PDB file of N, CA and C in Angstrom:
ATOM      1  N   UNK A   1     -11.188 -53.243  19.239  1.00  0.00           N
ATOM      2  CA  UNK A   1     -10.015 -52.369  18.755  1.00  0.00           C
ATOM      3  C   UNK A   1     -10.931 -50.980  18.330  1.00  0.00           C
ATOM      4  N   UNK A   2     -11.863 -50.965  17.430  1.00  0.00           N
ATOM      5  CA  UNK A   2     -12.475 -49.705  17.258  1.00  0.00           C
ATOM      6  C   UNK A   2     -13.175 -48.795  18.253  1.00  0.00           C
ATOM      7  N   UNK A   3     -13.767 -49.770  19.222  1.00  0.00           N
ATOM      8  CA  UNK A   3     -14.201 -49.270  20.435  1.00  0.00           C
ATOM      9  C   UNK A   3     -13.264 -48.567  21.263  1.00  0.00           C
ATOM     10  N   UNK A   4     -12.163 -49.259  21.520  1.00  0.00           N
ATOM     11  CA  UNK A   4     -10.941 -48.665  22.147  1.00  0.00           C
ATOM     12  C   UNK A   4     -10.731 -47.288  21.492  1.00  0.00           C
ATOM     13  N   UNK A   5     -10.447 -47.352  20.229  1.00  0.00           N
ATOM     14  CA  UNK A   5      -9.864 -46.206  19.507  1.00  0.00           C
ATOM     15  C   UNK A   5     -11.132 -45.107  19.425  1.00  0.00           C
ATOM     16  N   UNK A   6     -12.404 -45.335  19.632  1.00  0.00           N
ATOM     17  CA  UNK A   6     -13.316 -44.274  19.876  1.00  0.00           C
ATOM     18  C   UNK A   6     -13.408 -43.840  21.184  1.00  0.00           C
ATOM     19  N   UNK A   7     -13.134 -44.629  22.184  1.00  0.00           N
ATOM     20  CA  UNK A   7     -12.794 -44.192  23.560  1.00  0.00           C
ATOM     21  C   UNK A   7     -11.817 -43.154  23.742  1.00  0.00           C
ATOM     22  N   UNK A   8     -10.816 -43.589  23.170  1.00  0.00           N
ATOM     23  CA  UNK A   8      -9.333 -42.655  23.149  1.00  0.00           C
ATOM     24  C   UNK A   8      -9.805 -41.322  22.726  1.00  0.00           C
ATOM     25  N   UNK A   9     -10.467 -41.171  21.284  1.00  0.00           N
ATOM     26  CA  UNK A   9     -10.713 -40.074  20.853  1.00  0.00           C
ATOM     27  C   UNK A   9     -11.664 -39.341  21.474  1.00  0.00           C
ATOM     28  N   UNK A  10     -12.720 -39.800  22.213  1.00  0.00           N
ATOM     29  CA  UNK A  10     -13.464 -39.290  23.248  1.00  0.00           C
ATOM     30  C   UNK A  10     -12.647 -38.637  24.424  1.00  0.00           C
ATOM     31  N   UNK A  11     -11.762 -39.427  24.986  1.00  0.00           N
ATOM     32  CA  UNK A  11     -10.976 -38.940  25.996  1.00  0.00           C
ATOM     33  C   UNK A  11     -10.232 -37.647  25.705  1.00  0.00           C
ATOM     34  N   UNK A  12      -9.548 -37.679  24.482  1.00  0.00           N
ATOM     35  CA  UNK A  12      -8.792 -36.569  23.948  1.00  0.00           C
ATOM     36  C   UNK A  12      -9.723 -35.349  23.821  1.00  0.00           C
ATOM     37  N   UNK A  13     -10.880 -35.572  23.096  1.00  0.00           N
ATOM     38  CA  UNK A  13     -11.762 -34.469  22.970  1.00  0.00           C
ATOM     39  C   UNK A  13     -12.415 -33.875  24.310  1.00  0.00           C
ATOM     40  N   UNK A  14     -12.479 -34.859  25.172  1.00  0.00           N
ATOM     41  CA  UNK A  14     -12.976 -34.206  26.460  1.00  0.00           C
ATOM     42  C   UNK A  14     -12.022 -33.310  27.174  1.00  0.00           C
ATOM     43  N   UNK A  15     -10.715 -33.831  27.142  1.00  0.00           N
ATOM     44  CA  UNK A  15      -9.648 -33.281  27.754  1.00  0.00           C
ATOM     45  C   UNK A  15      -9.202 -32.109  26.871  1.00  0.00           C
ATOM     46  N   UNK A  16      -9.422 -31.923  25.822  1.00  0.00           N
ATOM     47  CA  UNK A  16      -9.200 -30.461  24.926  1.00  0.00           C
ATOM     48  C   UNK A  16     -10.235 -29.620  25.530  1.00  0.00           C
ATOM     49  N   UNK A  17     -11.681 -30.019  25.700  1.00  0.00           N
ATOM     50  CA  UNK A  17     -12.609 -29.189  26.032  1.00  0.00           C
ATOM     51  C   UNK A  17     -12.336 -28.639  27.524  1.00  0.00           C
ATOM     52  N   UNK A  18     -11.984 -29.669  28.312  1.00  0.00           N
ATOM     53  CA  UNK A  18     -11.588 -29.247  29.698  1.00  0.00           C
ATOM     54  C   UNK A  18     -10.492 -27.912  29.696  1.00  0.00           C
ATOM     55  N   UNK A  19      -9.531 -28.374  28.921  1.00  0.00           N
ATOM     56  CA  UNK A  19      -8.117 -27.237  28.878  1.00  0.00           C
ATOM     57  C   UNK A  19      -9.000 -25.885  28.327  1.00  0.00           C
ATOM     58  N   UNK A  20      -9.820 -25.847  27.280  1.00  0.00           N
ATOM     59  CA  UNK A  20     -10.220 -24.717  26.723  1.00  0.00           C
ATOM     60  C   UNK A  20     -11.255 -23.973  27.681  1.00  0.00           C
ATOM     61  N   UNK A  21     -11.903 -24.749  28.566  1.00  0.00           N
ATOM     62  CA  UNK A  21     -12.888 -24.165  29.317  1.00  0.00           C
ATOM     63  C   UNK A  21     -11.993 -23.491  30.566  1.00  0.00           C
ATOM     64  N   UNK A  22     -11.051 -24.357  30.959  1.00  0.00           N
ATOM     65  CA  UNK A  22     -10.213 -23.832  31.986  1.00  0.00           C
ATOM     66  C   UNK A  22      -9.527 -22.433  31.511  1.00  0.00           C
ATOM     67  N   UNK A  23      -8.988 -22.328  30.198  1.00  0.00           N
ATOM     68  CA  UNK A  23      -8.179 -21.111  29.656  1.00  0.00           C
ATOM     69  C   UNK A  23      -9.326 -20.100  29.407  1.00  0.00           C
ATOM     70  N   UNK A  24     -10.549 -20.346  29.292  1.00  0.00           N
ATOM     71  CA  UNK A  24     -11.739 -19.431  29.157  1.00  0.00           C
ATOM     72  C   UNK A  24     -11.738 -18.756  30.570  1.00  0.00           C
ATOM     73  N   UNK A  25     -11.929 -19.516  31.670  1.00  0.00           N
ATOM     74  CA  UNK A  25     -11.949 -18.867  33.067  1.00  0.00           C
ATOM     75  C   UNK A  25     -10.778 -18.020  33.464  1.00  0.00           C
ATOM     76  N   UNK A  26      -9.638 -18.704  33.283  1.00  0.00           N
ATOM     77  CA  UNK A  26      -8.580 -17.884  33.277  1.00  0.00           C
ATOM     78  C   UNK A  26      -8.552 -16.500  32.866  1.00  0.00           C
ATOM     79  N   UNK A  27      -8.742 -16.489  31.214  1.00  0.00           N
ATOM     80  CA  UNK A  27      -8.911 -15.103  30.540  1.00  0.00           C
ATOM     81  C   UNK A  27      -9.923 -14.475  31.239  1.00  0.00           C
ATOM     82  N   UNK A  28     -11.127 -14.809  31.673  1.00  0.00           N
ATOM     83  CA  UNK A  28     -12.144 -14.146  32.476  1.00  0.00           C
ATOM     84  C   UNK A  28     -11.454 -13.321  33.546  1.00  0.00           C
ATOM     85  N   UNK A  29     -10.904 -14.175  34.393  1.00  0.00           N
ATOM     86  CA  UNK A  29     -10.389 -13.668  35.604  1.00  0.00           C
ATOM     87  C   UNK A  29      -9.236 -12.742  35.396  1.00  0.00           C
ATOM     88  N   UNK A  30      -8.484 -12.820  34.461  1.00  0.00           N
ATOM     89  CA  UNK A  30      -7.634 -11.845  34.139  1.00  0.00           C
ATOM     90  C   UNK A  30      -8.076 -10.490  33.759  1.00  0.00           C
ATOM     91  N   UNK A  31      -9.095 -10.831  32.974  1.00  0.00           N
ATOM     92  CA  UNK A  31      -9.735  -9.464  32.305  1.00  0.00           C
ATOM     93  C   UNK A  31     -10.606  -8.536  33.525  1.00  0.00           C
ATOM     94  N   UNK A  32     -11.193  -9.431  34.229  1.00  0.00           N
ATOM     95  CA  UNK A  32     -11.828  -8.800  35.553  1.00  0.00           C
ATOM     96  C   UNK A  32     -10.812  -8.368  36.326  1.00  0.00           C
ATOM     97  N   UNK A  33      -9.427  -8.988  36.658  1.00  0.00           N
ATOM     98  CA  UNK A  33      -8.525  -8.262  37.435  1.00  0.00           C
ATOM     99  C   UNK A  33      -7.942  -7.097  36.748  1.00  0.00           C
ATOM    100  N   UNK A  34      -7.288  -7.162  35.731  1.00  0.00           N
ATOM    101  CA  UNK A  34      -6.430  -6.228  35.204  1.00  0.00           C
ATOM    102  C   UNK A  34      -7.301  -5.066  34.411  1.00  0.00           C
ATOM    103  N   UNK A  35      -8.215  -5.453  33.235  1.00  0.00           N
ATOM    104  CA  UNK A  35      -8.738  -4.693  32.202  1.00  0.00           C
ATOM    105  C   UNK A  35      -9.993  -3.850  32.658  1.00  0.00           C
ATOM    106  N   UNK A  36     -10.776  -4.488  33.559  1.00  0.00           N
ATOM    107  CA  UNK A  36     -12.040  -4.195  34.028  1.00  0.00           C
ATOM    108  C   UNK A  36     -11.772  -2.671  34.806  1.00  0.00           C
ATOM    109  N   UNK A  37     -10.842  -2.613  35.612  1.00  0.00           N
ATOM    110  CA  UNK A  37     -10.458  -1.222  36.100  1.00  0.00           C
ATOM    111  C   UNK A  37     -10.089  -0.256  35.217  1.00  0.00           C
ATOM    112  N   UNK A  38      -9.570  -0.466  34.185  1.00  0.00           N
ATOM    113  CA  UNK A  38      -9.205   0.419  32.987  1.00  0.00           C
ATOM    114  C   UNK A  38     -10.193   0.717  31.985  1.00  0.00           C
ATOM    115  N   UNK A  39     -11.374   0.151  32.144  1.00  0.00           N
ATOM    116  CA  UNK A  39     -12.333   0.394  31.140  1.00  0.00           C
ATOM    117  C   UNK A  39     -12.715   1.969  31.106  1.00  0.00           C
ATOM    118  N   UNK A  40     -13.148   2.709  32.166  1.00  0.00           N
ATOM    119  CA  UNK A  40     -13.478   3.975  32.138  1.00  0.00           C
ATOM    120  C   UNK A  40     -12.334   5.018  31.393  1.00  0.00           C
ATOM    121  N   UNK A  41     -11.188   4.554  31.465  1.00  0.00           N
ATOM    122  CA  UNK A  41     -10.074   5.129  30.972  1.00  0.00           C
ATOM    123  C   UNK A  41     -10.101   5.033  29.452  1.00  0.00           C
ATOM    124  N   UNK A  42     -10.366   3.650  29.116  1.00  0.00           N
ATOM    125  CA  UNK A  42     -10.585   3.528  27.728  1.00  0.00           C
ATOM    126  C   UNK A  42     -11.657   4.081  27.066  1.00  0.00           C
ATOM    127  N   UNK A  43     -12.732   4.073  27.702  1.00  0.00           N
ATOM    128  CA  UNK A  43     -13.938   4.669  27.194  1.00  0.00           C
ATOM    129  C   UNK A  43     -13.620   6.203  27.071  1.00  0.00           C
ATOM    130  N   UNK A  44     -13.181   6.819  27.984  1.00  0.00           N
ATOM    131  CA  UNK A  44     -12.761   8.213  27.907  1.00  0.00           C
ATOM    132  C   UNK A  44     -11.981   8.569  26.592  1.00  0.00           C
ATOM    133  N   UNK A  45     -10.941   7.903  26.228  1.00  0.00           N
ATOM    134  CA  UNK A  45     -10.118   8.022  25.166  1.00  0.00           C
ATOM    135  C   UNK A  45     -10.985   7.791  23.772  1.00  0.00           C
ATOM    136  N   UNK A  46     -11.874   6.712  24.044  1.00  0.00           N
ATOM    137  CA  UNK A  46     -12.818   6.396  22.798  1.00  0.00           C
ATOM    138  C   UNK A  46     -13.595   7.838  22.636  1.00  0.00           C
ATOM    139  N   UNK A  47     -14.219   8.193  23.409  1.00  0.00           N
ATOM    140  CA  UNK A  47     -15.037   9.372  23.521  1.00  0.00           C
ATOM    141  C   UNK A  47     -14.306  10.672  23.028  1.00  0.00           C
ATOM    142  N   UNK A  48     -13.055  10.926  23.429  1.00  0.00           N
ATOM    143  CA  UNK A  48     -12.577  12.079  22.957  1.00  0.00           C
ATOM    144  C   UNK A  48     -12.010  11.887  21.555  1.00  0.00           C
ATOM    145  N   UNK A  49     -11.657  10.636  21.112  1.00  0.00           N
ATOM    146  CA  UNK A  49     -11.467  10.427  19.856  1.00  0.00           C
ATOM    147  C   UNK A  49     -12.553  10.610  18.942  1.00  0.00           C
ATOM    148  N   UNK A  50     -13.738  10.265  19.256  1.00  0.00           N
ATOM    149  CA  UNK A  50     -14.940  10.422  18.301  1.00  0.00           C
ATOM    150  C   UNK A  50     -15.026  12.144  18.331  1.00  0.00           C
ATOM    151  N   UNK A  51     -15.067  12.631  19.478  1.00  0.00           N
ATOM    152  CA  UNK A  51     -15.214  14.253  19.486  1.00  0.00           C
ATOM    153  C   UNK A  51     -14.254  14.812  18.860  1.00  0.00           C
ATOM    154  N   UNK A  52     -13.172  14.318  18.750  1.00  0.00           N
ATOM    155  CA  UNK A  52     -11.978  15.088  17.675  1.00  0.00           C
ATOM    156  C   UNK A  52     -12.446  14.693  16.164  1.00  0.00           C
ATOM    157  N   UNK A  53     -12.716  13.620  16.064  1.00  0.00           N
ATOM    158  CA  UNK A  53     -13.108  13.233  14.550  1.00  0.00           C
ATOM    159  C   UNK A  53     -14.409  14.225  14.139  1.00  0.00           C
ATOM    160  N   UNK A  54     -15.517  14.298  15.052  1.00  0.00           N
ATOM    161  CA  UNK A  54     -16.605  14.961  14.683  1.00  0.00           C
ATOM    162  C   UNK A  54     -16.059  16.544  14.534  1.00  0.00           C
ATOM    163  N   UNK A  55     -15.405  17.114  15.404  1.00  0.00           N
ATOM    164  CA  UNK A  55     -14.937  18.506  15.178  1.00  0.00           C
ATOM    165  C   UNK A  55     -14.037  18.685  13.935  1.00  0.00           C
ATOM    166  N   UNK A  56     -13.183  17.756  13.538  1.00  0.00           N
ATOM    167  CA  UNK A  56     -12.461  17.843  12.174  1.00  0.00           C
ATOM    168  C   UNK A  56     -13.420  17.678  11.155  1.00  0.00           C
ATOM    169  N   UNK A  57     -14.600  16.890  11.352  1.00  0.00           N
ATOM    170  CA  UNK A  57     -15.739  16.948  10.369  1.00  0.00           C
ATOM    171  C   UNK A  57     -16.417  18.214  10.110  1.00  0.00           C
ATOM    172  N   UNK A  58     -16.790  18.747  11.203  1.00  0.00           N
ATOM    173  CA  UNK A  58     -17.359  20.253  11.538  1.00  0.00           C
ATOM    174  C   UNK A  58     -16.435  21.321  10.810  1.00  0.00           C
ATOM    175  N   UNK A  59     -15.378  21.266  11.193  1.00  0.00           N
ATOM    176  CA  UNK A  59     -14.188  22.112  10.505  1.00  0.00           C
ATOM    177  C   UNK A  59     -14.116  21.911   8.806  1.00  0.00           C
ATOM    178  N   UNK A  60     -14.097  20.868   8.499  1.00  0.00           N
ATOM    179  CA  UNK A  60     -14.192  20.478   7.036  1.00  0.00           C
ATOM    180  C   UNK A  60     -15.153  20.864   6.345  1.00  0.00           C
ATOM    181  N   UNK A  61     -16.367  20.596   6.974  1.00  0.00           N
ATOM    182  CA  UNK A  61     -17.735  21.047   6.324  1.00  0.00           C
ATOM    183  C   UNK A  61     -17.893  22.552   6.360  1.00  0.00           C
ATOM    184  N   UNK A  62     -17.327  23.287   7.346  1.00  0.00           N
ATOM    185  CA  UNK A  62     -17.498  24.625   7.341  1.00  0.00           C
ATOM    186  C   UNK A  62     -16.631  25.244   6.335  1.00  0.00           C
ATOM    187  N   UNK A  63     -15.373  24.709   6.104  1.00  0.00           N
ATOM    188  CA  UNK A  63     -14.417  25.359   5.051  1.00  0.00           C
ATOM    189  C   UNK A  63     -15.242  25.147   3.660  1.00  0.00           C
ATOM    190  N   UNK A  64     -15.744  23.789   3.537  1.00  0.00           N
ATOM    191  CA  UNK A  64     -16.350  23.611   2.156  1.00  0.00           C
ATOM    192  C   UNK A  64     -17.531  24.459   1.935  1.00  0.00           C
ATOM    193  N   UNK A  65     -18.265  24.708   3.004  1.00  0.00           N
ATOM    194  CA  UNK A  65     -19.286  25.661   2.648  1.00  0.00           C
ATOM    195  C   UNK A  65     -18.826  26.923   2.352  1.00  0.00           C
ATOM    196  N   UNK A  66     -17.793  27.699   2.997  1.00  0.00           N
ATOM    197  CA  UNK A  66     -17.222  28.871   2.630  1.00  0.00           C
ATOM    198  C   UNK A  66     -16.771  28.885   1.399  1.00  0.00           C
ATOM    199  N   UNK A  67     -16.113  27.842   1.041  1.00  0.00           N
ATOM    200  CA  UNK A  67     -15.292  27.874  -0.471  1.00  0.00           C
ATOM    201  C   UNK A  67     -16.635  27.876  -1.514  1.00  0.00           C
ATOM    202  N   UNK A  68     -17.695  27.090  -1.107  1.00  0.00           N
ATOM    203  CA  UNK A  68     -18.766  26.938  -2.052  1.00  0.00           C
ATOM    204  C   UNK A  68     -19.605  28.412  -2.131  1.00  0.00           C
ATOM    205  N   UNK A  69     -19.463  29.026  -1.009  1.00  0.00           N
ATOM    206  CA  UNK A  69     -20.215  30.521  -1.053  1.00  0.00           C
ATOM    207  C   UNK A  69     -19.298  31.441  -1.803  1.00  0.00           C
ATOM    208  N   UNK A  70     -18.044  31.261  -1.761  1.00  0.00           N
ATOM    209  CA  UNK A  70     -16.956  32.065  -2.348  1.00  0.00           C
ATOM    210  C   UNK A  70     -17.081  31.714  -3.981  1.00  0.00           C
ATOM    211  N   UNK A  71     -17.143  30.509  -4.357  1.00  0.00           N
ATOM    212  CA  UNK A  71     -17.386  30.342  -5.660  1.00  0.00           C
ATOM    213  C   UNK A  71     -18.763  30.780  -6.064  1.00  0.00           C
ATOM    214  N   UNK A  72     -19.911  30.831  -5.543  1.00  0.00           N
ATOM    215  CA  UNK A  72     -21.031  31.404  -5.918  1.00  0.00           C
ATOM    216  C   UNK A  72     -20.840  32.829  -6.179  1.00  0.00           C
ATOM    217  N   UNK A  73     -20.286  33.564  -5.299  1.00  0.00           N
ATOM    218  CA  UNK A  73     -20.094  35.077  -5.222  1.00  0.00           C
ATOM    219  C   UNK A  73     -19.394  35.397  -6.437  1.00  0.00           C
ATOM    220  N   UNK A  74     -18.095  34.435  -6.742  1.00  0.00           N
ATOM    221  CA  UNK A  74     -17.275  34.824  -7.828  1.00  0.00           C
ATOM    222  C   UNK A  74     -18.008  34.516  -9.326  1.00  0.00           C
ATOM    223  N   UNK A  75     -19.007  33.602  -9.148  1.00  0.00           N
ATOM    224  CA  UNK A  75     -19.740  33.281 -10.410  1.00  0.00           C
ATOM    225  C   UNK A  75     -20.900  34.436 -10.571  1.00  0.00           C
ATOM    226  N   UNK A  76     -21.413  34.912  -9.662  1.00  0.00           N
ATOM    227  CA  UNK A  76     -22.256  35.898  -9.682  1.00  0.00           C
ATOM    228  C   UNK A  76     -22.043  37.380 -10.232  1.00  0.00           C
ATOM    229  N   UNK A  77     -20.497  37.590  -9.972  1.00  0.00           N
ATOM    230  CA  UNK A  77     -19.780  38.898 -10.439  1.00  0.00           C
ATOM    231  C   UNK A  77     -19.722  38.951 -11.958  1.00  0.00           C
ATOM    232  N   UNK A  78     -19.818  40.046 -12.425  1.00  0.00           N
ATOM    233  CA  UNK A  78     -19.760  40.409 -13.844  1.00  0.00           C
ATOM    234  C   UNK A  78     -18.355  39.854 -14.218  1.00  0.00           C
ATOM    235  N   UNK A  79     -18.091  39.113 -15.108  1.00  0.00           N
ATOM    236  CA  UNK A  79     -16.901  38.705 -15.844  1.00  0.00           C
ATOM    237  C   UNK A  79     -15.808  39.711 -16.085  1.00  0.00           C
ATOM    238  N   UNK A  80     -16.165  41.058 -16.312  1.00  0.00           N
ATOM    239  CA  UNK A  80     -15.525  42.066 -16.569  1.00  0.00           C
ATOM    240  C   UNK A  80     -14.493  42.519 -15.355  1.00  0.00           C
ATOM    241  N   UNK A  81     -14.971  42.019 -14.178  1.00  0.00           N
ATOM    242  CA  UNK A  81     -14.107  42.431 -13.018  1.00  0.00           C
ATOM    243  C   UNK A  81     -12.867  41.658 -12.730  1.00  0.00           C
TER     244      UNK A  81
END
């Protein structure tokens, strides 16, 4: 009885493994068929997003540097002005 139960468990595990392997190959096929041609478009948007973030970072740093320079100038002026 134990041997029969063990063999049933092995058959179930083997069947699950076969189903998962089949689904993996189906997913790979669908990926190559539908998503692979879109990768250059996706990469373009990722690169544009990164450039926009970097440009915003540069504008922010420029504004902070200008404000810091303004504060240094205001601090250097005589307080009577």
